[in-house]
Amino acid sequence: MLRLFQAGMIAAPMQGLKRLIYLLTALGVALTRHRLVDLAADRVRHASGLMNHSDPDRAANTLMVSLWCGANAQAAALKQ
């Protein structure tokens, strides 16, 4: 049997390609302009306003920070 790599070992060029694919996918999602994305954003804004009338952006900002932390955690996991 021909074996190029040991079990659990990924070639360095493949790791770089995997990171690039993840980056391009995230970039594509972030730049997506679609009716459903706009609808979801409007619903988040509306729900945020209902949750706190005095500071309607607070819930949306909390969600943004949570998603940012999750994205950074994912990026850190990909570096390993």
C-alpha atoms as a PDB file:
ATOM      1  CA  MET A   1       0.000   0.000   0.000  1.00  0.00           C
ATOM      2  CA  LEU A   2       1.346   3.399  -0.985  1.00  0.00           C
ATOM      3  CA  ARG A   3       1.225   5.833   1.905  1.00  0.00           C
ATOM      4  CA  LEU A   4       2.277   9.434   1.390  1.00  0.00           C
ATOM      5  CA  PHE A   5       1.516  10.741   4.879  1.00  0.00           C
ATOM      6  CA  GLN A   6       1.155   9.245   8.307  1.00  0.00           C
ATOM      7  CA  ALA A   7      -2.270   9.170   9.913  1.00  0.00           C
ATOM      8  CA  GLY A   8      -3.281  12.576  11.256  1.00  0.00           C
ATOM      9  CA  MET A   9      -0.562  14.405   9.351  1.00  0.00           C
ATOM     10  CA  ILE A  10      -1.503  17.040   6.786  1.00  0.00           C
ATOM     11  CA  ALA A  11       1.048  18.329   4.319  1.00  0.00           C
ATOM     12  CA  ALA A  12       2.076  21.960   4.842  1.00  0.00           C
ATOM     13  CA  PRO A  13       0.779  23.095   1.423  1.00  0.00           C
ATOM     14  CA  MET A  14      -2.597  21.553   2.207  1.00  0.00           C
ATOM     15  CA  GLN A  15      -2.816  23.439   5.513  1.00  0.00           C
ATOM     16  CA  GLY A  16      -2.162  26.711   3.707  1.00  0.00           C
ATOM     17  CA  LEU A  17      -4.772  25.846   1.093  1.00  0.00           C
ATOM     18  CA  LYS A  18      -7.293  24.981   3.793  1.00  0.00           C
ATOM     19  CA  ARG A  19      -6.712  28.338   5.519  1.00  0.00           C
ATOM     20  CA  LEU A  20      -7.093  30.165   2.220  1.00  0.00           C
ATOM     21  CA  ILE A  21     -10.362  28.366   1.485  1.00  0.00           C
ATOM     22  CA  TYR A  22     -11.725  29.272   4.930  1.00  0.00           C
ATOM     23  CA  LEU A  23     -10.649  32.890   4.474  1.00  0.00           C
ATOM     24  CA  LEU A  24     -12.240  33.175   1.030  1.00  0.00           C
ATOM     25  CA  THR A  25     -15.445  31.566   2.286  1.00  0.00           C
ATOM     26  CA  ALA A  26     -15.658  33.966   5.234  1.00  0.00           C
ATOM     27  CA  LEU A  27     -14.919  36.907   2.970  1.00  0.00           C
ATOM     28  CA  GLY A  28     -17.610  35.800   0.527  1.00  0.00           C
ATOM     29  CA  VAL A  29     -20.163  35.481   3.318  1.00  0.00           C
ATOM     30  CA  ALA A  30     -19.203  38.874   4.757  1.00  0.00           C
ATOM     31  CA  LEU A  31     -19.571  40.579   1.382  1.00  0.00           C
ATOM     32  CA  THR A  32     -22.835  38.882   0.469  1.00  0.00           C
ATOM     33  CA  ARG A  33     -25.599  41.290  -0.456  1.00  0.00           C
ATOM     34  CA  HIS A  34     -28.833  39.371  -0.666  1.00  0.00           C
ATOM     35  CA  ARG A  35     -32.437  40.007   0.188  1.00  0.00           C
ATOM     36  CA  LEU A  36     -32.400  37.392   2.979  1.00  0.00           C
ATOM     37  CA  VAL A  37     -29.263  38.910   4.551  1.00  0.00           C
ATOM     38  CA  ASP A  38     -30.855  42.358   4.499  1.00  0.00           C
ATOM     39  CA  LEU A  39     -34.070  40.922   5.964  1.00  0.00           C
ATOM     40  CA  ALA A  40     -32.147  39.241   8.797  1.00  0.00           C
ATOM     41  CA  ALA A  41     -30.285  42.493   9.521  1.00  0.00           C
ATOM     42  CA  ASP A  42     -33.574  44.408   9.669  1.00  0.00           C
ATOM     43  CA  ARG A  43     -35.024  41.848  12.065  1.00  0.00           C
ATOM     44  CA  VAL A  44     -31.968  42.059  14.331  1.00  0.00           C
ATOM     45  CA  ARG A  45     -32.251  45.869  14.375  1.00  0.00           C
ATOM     46  CA  HIS A  46     -35.968  45.672  15.161  1.00  0.00           C
ATOM     47  CA  ALA A  47     -35.487  43.092  17.932  1.00  0.00           C
ATOM     48  CA  SER A  48     -32.612  45.123  19.356  1.00  0.00           C
ATOM     49  CA  GLY A  49     -34.865  48.179  19.538  1.00  0.00           C
ATOM     50  CA  LEU A  50     -37.596  46.181  21.286  1.00  0.00           C
ATOM     51  CA  MET A  51     -35.178  44.838  23.902  1.00  0.00           C
ATOM     52  CA  ASN A  52     -33.827  48.205  25.015  1.00  0.00           C
ATOM     53  CA  HIS A  53     -35.641  51.379  23.969  1.00  0.00           C
ATOM     54  CA  SER A  54     -33.093  53.738  25.491  1.00  0.00           C
ATOM     55  CA  ASP A  55     -30.117  52.076  23.718  1.00  0.00           C
ATOM     56  CA  PRO A  56     -31.443  50.227  20.644  1.00  0.00           C
ATOM     57  CA  ASP A  57     -27.971  49.326  19.343  1.00  0.00           C
ATOM     58  CA  ARG A  58     -26.874  47.548  22.515  1.00  0.00           C
ATOM     59  CA  ALA A  59     -28.168  44.067  21.617  1.00  0.00           C
ATOM     60  CA  ALA A  60     -26.817  44.330  18.072  1.00  0.00           C
ATOM     61  CA  ASN A  61     -23.419  45.428  19.402  1.00  0.00           C
ATOM     62  CA  THR A  62     -23.415  42.550  21.903  1.00  0.00           C
ATOM     63  CA  LEU A  63     -24.158  40.131  19.068  1.00  0.00           C
ATOM     64  CA  MET A  64     -21.384  41.674  16.970  1.00  0.00           C
ATOM     65  CA  VAL A  65     -18.851  41.281  19.798  1.00  0.00           C
ATOM     66  CA  SER A  66     -19.931  37.674  20.376  1.00  0.00           C
ATOM     67  CA  LEU A  67     -19.567  36.816  16.698  1.00  0.00           C
ATOM     68  CA  TRP A  68     -16.191  38.599  16.580  1.00  0.00           C
ATOM     69  CA  CYS A  69     -14.951  36.540  19.541  1.00  0.00           C
ATOM     70  CA  GLY A  70     -16.169  33.351  17.898  1.00  0.00           C
ATOM     71  CA  ALA A  71     -14.442  34.241  14.629  1.00  0.00           C
ATOM     72  CA  ASN A  72     -11.184  34.936  16.458  1.00  0.00           C
ATOM     73  CA  ALA A  73     -11.421  31.646  18.324  1.00  0.00           C
ATOM     74  CA  GLN A  74     -11.960  29.832  15.025  1.00  0.00           C
ATOM     75  CA  ALA A  75      -9.006  31.643  13.447  1.00  0.00           C
ATOM     76  CA  ALA A  76      -6.804  30.704  16.416  1.00  0.00           C
ATOM     77  CA  ALA A  77      -7.886  27.077  16.095  1.00  0.00           C
ATOM     78  CA  LEU A  78      -7.004  27.083  12.394  1.00  0.00           C
ATOM     79  CA  LYS A  79      -3.489  28.350  13.135  1.00  0.00           C
ATOM     80  CA  GLN A  80      -2.707  25.216  15.114  1.00  0.00           C
END
